[in-house]
Amino acid sequence: MDAENTPISPPASDNTNLAEQLSTAHKRIAELENQAAKQQTVYAGLQTKYNNLQTSHTTLNEQHTSLQTVLQALQDQLTGMDSEKATLSTQLQTLEGEKTQLQKG
């Protein structure tokens, strides 16, 4: 066999160094996976809070619209009462005028 084709074994120290690097890489991967899992949990919690806020916002908008409708109905009722008051006031003045005429007459 000729020297060019003879496999050369790397020194044992190279193997040890590679093993240490591999071990370090595995530990780092585990750390990153753990971090990713924690971030997924935080994200899921935030997503739930966001969804709850969206639901609350929708509910509040519906309540606001309902209150605006009630307010408009009350304003319309008040306008009607003001109109009725004005009519009654005019009728009262007319009756008082007639009363005065009858008392004079």
C-alpha atoms as a PDB file:
ATOM      1  CA  MET A   1       0.000   0.000   0.000  1.00  0.00           C
ATOM      2  CA  ASP A   2       1.346   3.324  -0.837  1.00  0.00           C
ATOM      3  CA  ALA A   3       1.720   6.145   1.681  1.00  0.00           C
ATOM      4  CA  GLU A   4      -0.636   8.478  -0.177  1.00  0.00           C
ATOM      5  CA  ASN A   5      -3.629   6.161   0.269  1.00  0.00           C
ATOM      6  CA  THR A   6      -3.006   5.240   3.886  1.00  0.00           C
ATOM      7  CA  PRO A   7      -5.658   6.822   6.118  1.00  0.00           C
ATOM      8  CA  ILE A   8      -4.254   9.059   8.785  1.00  0.00           C
ATOM      9  CA  SER A   9      -5.999   9.011  12.148  1.00  0.00           C
ATOM     10  CA  PRO A  10      -6.428  12.398  13.698  1.00  0.00           C
ATOM     11  CA  PRO A  11      -4.708  12.826  17.016  1.00  0.00           C
ATOM     12  CA  ALA A  12      -6.767  11.873  20.072  1.00  0.00           C
ATOM     13  CA  SER A  13      -6.776  15.508  21.197  1.00  0.00           C
ATOM     14  CA  ASP A  14      -8.631  16.468  17.990  1.00  0.00           C
ATOM     15  CA  ASN A  15     -11.298  13.857  18.746  1.00  0.00           C
ATOM     16  CA  THR A  16     -11.639  15.116  22.306  1.00  0.00           C
ATOM     17  CA  ASN A  17     -11.942  18.697  21.083  1.00  0.00           C
ATOM     18  CA  LEU A  18     -14.632  17.712  18.560  1.00  0.00           C
ATOM     19  CA  ALA A  19     -16.519  15.796  21.246  1.00  0.00           C
ATOM     20  CA  GLU A  20     -16.435  18.836  23.526  1.00  0.00           C
ATOM     21  CA  GLN A  21     -17.649  21.099  20.714  1.00  0.00           C
ATOM     22  CA  LEU A  22     -20.430  18.655  19.902  1.00  0.00           C
ATOM     23  CA  SER A  23     -21.447  18.470  23.566  1.00  0.00           C
ATOM     24  CA  THR A  24     -21.441  22.273  23.811  1.00  0.00           C
ATOM     25  CA  ALA A  25     -23.512  22.524  20.637  1.00  0.00           C
ATOM     26  CA  HIS A  26     -26.060  20.024  22.007  1.00  0.00           C
ATOM     27  CA  LYS A  27     -26.322  21.985  25.259  1.00  0.00           C
ATOM     28  CA  ARG A  28     -26.836  25.236  23.344  1.00  0.00           C
ATOM     29  CA  ILE A  29     -29.514  23.618  21.170  1.00  0.00           C
ATOM     30  CA  ALA A  30     -31.295  22.422  24.325  1.00  0.00           C
ATOM     31  CA  GLU A  31     -31.101  25.943  25.798  1.00  0.00           C
ATOM     32  CA  LEU A  32     -32.498  27.466  22.608  1.00  0.00           C
ATOM     33  CA  GLU A  33     -35.309  24.915  22.472  1.00  0.00           C
ATOM     34  CA  ASN A  34     -36.141  25.696  26.107  1.00  0.00           C
ATOM     35  CA  GLN A  35     -36.154  29.433  25.350  1.00  0.00           C
ATOM     36  CA  ALA A  36     -38.356  28.858  22.313  1.00  0.00           C
ATOM     37  CA  ALA A  37     -40.823  26.840  24.410  1.00  0.00           C
ATOM     38  CA  LYS A  38     -40.979  29.637  27.006  1.00  0.00           C
ATOM     39  CA  GLN A  39     -41.489  32.237  24.281  1.00  0.00           C
ATOM     40  CA  GLN A  40     -44.274  30.141  22.757  1.00  0.00           C
ATOM     41  CA  THR A  41     -45.969  30.011  26.168  1.00  0.00           C
ATOM     42  CA  VAL A  42     -45.645  33.779  26.592  1.00  0.00           C
ATOM     43  CA  TYR A  43     -46.928  34.330  23.051  1.00  0.00           C
ATOM     44  CA  ALA A  44     -49.931  32.071  23.690  1.00  0.00           C
ATOM     45  CA  GLY A  45     -50.725  34.016  26.871  1.00  0.00           C
ATOM     46  CA  LEU A  46     -50.461  37.336  25.058  1.00  0.00           C
ATOM     47  CA  GLN A  47     -52.628  36.034  22.222  1.00  0.00           C
ATOM     48  CA  THR A  48     -55.289  35.012  24.758  1.00  0.00           C
ATOM     49  CA  LYS A  49     -55.164  38.456  26.383  1.00  0.00           C
ATOM     50  CA  TYR A  50     -55.425  40.109  22.970  1.00  0.00           C
ATOM     51  CA  ASN A  51     -58.433  37.971  22.047  1.00  0.00           C
ATOM     52  CA  ASN A  52     -60.092  38.816  25.375  1.00  0.00           C
ATOM     53  CA  LEU A  53     -59.478  42.524  24.791  1.00  0.00           C
ATOM     54  CA  GLN A  54     -60.944  42.259  21.287  1.00  0.00           C
ATOM     55  CA  THR A  55     -64.048  40.594  22.740  1.00  0.00           C
ATOM     56  CA  SER A  56     -64.343  43.279  25.425  1.00  0.00           C
ATOM     57  CA  HIS A  57     -63.900  45.996  22.826  1.00  0.00           C
ATOM     58  CA  THR A  58     -66.647  44.521  20.664  1.00  0.00           C
ATOM     59  CA  THR A  59     -68.959  44.230  23.679  1.00  0.00           C
ATOM     60  CA  LEU A  60     -68.268  47.820  24.713  1.00  0.00           C
ATOM     61  CA  ASN A  61     -68.945  49.054  21.174  1.00  0.00           C
ATOM     62  CA  GLU A  62     -72.267  47.205  21.163  1.00  0.00           C
ATOM     63  CA  GLN A  63     -73.168  48.693  24.555  1.00  0.00           C
ATOM     64  CA  HIS A  64     -72.164  52.152  23.342  1.00  0.00           C
ATOM     65  CA  THR A  65     -74.403  51.816  20.292  1.00  0.00           C
ATOM     66  CA  SER A  66     -77.261  50.594  22.485  1.00  0.00           C
ATOM     67  CA  LEU A  67     -76.797  53.506  24.898  1.00  0.00           C
ATOM     68  CA  GLN A  68     -76.752  55.964  21.997  1.00  0.00           C
ATOM     69  CA  THR A  69     -80.067  54.514  20.823  1.00  0.00           C
ATOM     70  CA  VAL A  70     -81.570  54.851  24.316  1.00  0.00           C
ATOM     71  CA  LEU A  71     -80.211  58.388  24.620  1.00  0.00           C
ATOM     72  CA  GLN A  72     -81.717  59.355  21.266  1.00  0.00           C
ATOM     73  CA  ALA A  73     -85.072  57.903  22.338  1.00  0.00           C
ATOM     74  CA  LEU A  74     -84.929  59.899  25.585  1.00  0.00           C
ATOM     75  CA  GLN A  75     -84.019  63.066  23.693  1.00  0.00           C
ATOM     76  CA  ASP A  76     -86.930  62.493  21.328  1.00  0.00           C
ATOM     77  CA  GLN A  77     -89.222  61.936  24.310  1.00  0.00           C
ATOM     78  CA  LEU A  78     -87.947  65.132  25.945  1.00  0.00           C
ATOM     79  CA  THR A  79     -88.526  67.062  22.731  1.00  0.00           C
ATOM     80  CA  GLY A  80     -92.082  65.701  22.646  1.00  0.00           C
ATOM     81  CA  MET A  81     -92.615  66.694  26.270  1.00  0.00           C
ATOM     82  CA  ASP A  82     -91.286  70.200  25.577  1.00  0.00           C
ATOM     83  CA  SER A  83     -93.684  70.494  22.662  1.00  0.00           C
ATOM     84  CA  GLU A  84     -96.572  69.244  24.797  1.00  0.00           C
ATOM     85  CA  LYS A  85     -95.594  71.692  27.554  1.00  0.00           C
ATOM     86  CA  ALA A  86     -95.628  74.570  25.068  1.00  0.00           C
ATOM     87  CA  THR A  87     -99.068  73.492  23.810  1.00  0.00           C
ATOM     88  CA  LEU A  88    -100.421  73.196  27.365  1.00  0.00           C
ATOM     89  CA  SER A  89     -98.928  76.564  28.267  1.00  0.00           C
ATOM     90  CA  THR A  90    -100.688  78.150  25.300  1.00  0.00           C
ATOM     91  CA  GLN A  91    -103.960  76.448  26.266  1.00  0.00           C
ATOM     92  CA  LEU A  92    -103.547  77.631  29.863  1.00  0.00           C
ATOM     93  CA  GLN A  93    -103.021  81.218  28.718  1.00  0.00           C
ATOM     94  CA  THR A  94    -106.100  80.957  26.538  1.00  0.00           C
ATOM     95  CA  LEU A  95    -108.163  79.571  29.425  1.00  0.00           C
ATOM     96  CA  GLU A  96    -106.887  82.255  31.779  1.00  0.00           C
ATOM     97  CA  GLY A  97    -107.834  84.878  29.207  1.00  0.00           C
ATOM     98  CA  GLU A  98    -111.312  83.364  28.894  1.00  0.00           C
ATOM     99  CA  LYS A  99    -111.623  83.231  32.685  1.00  0.00           C
ATOM    100  CA  THR A 100    -110.690  86.890  32.919  1.00  0.00           C
ATOM    101  CA  GLN A 101    -113.276  87.732  30.241  1.00  0.00           C
ATOM    102  CA  LEU A 102    -115.949  85.765  32.085  1.00  0.00           C
ATOM    103  CA  GLN A 103    -115.101  87.449  35.371  1.00  0.00           C
ATOM    104  CA  LYS A 104    -115.379  90.861  33.720  1.00  0.00           C
ATOM    105  CA  GLY A 105    -118.455  89.975  31.819  1.00  0.00           C
END
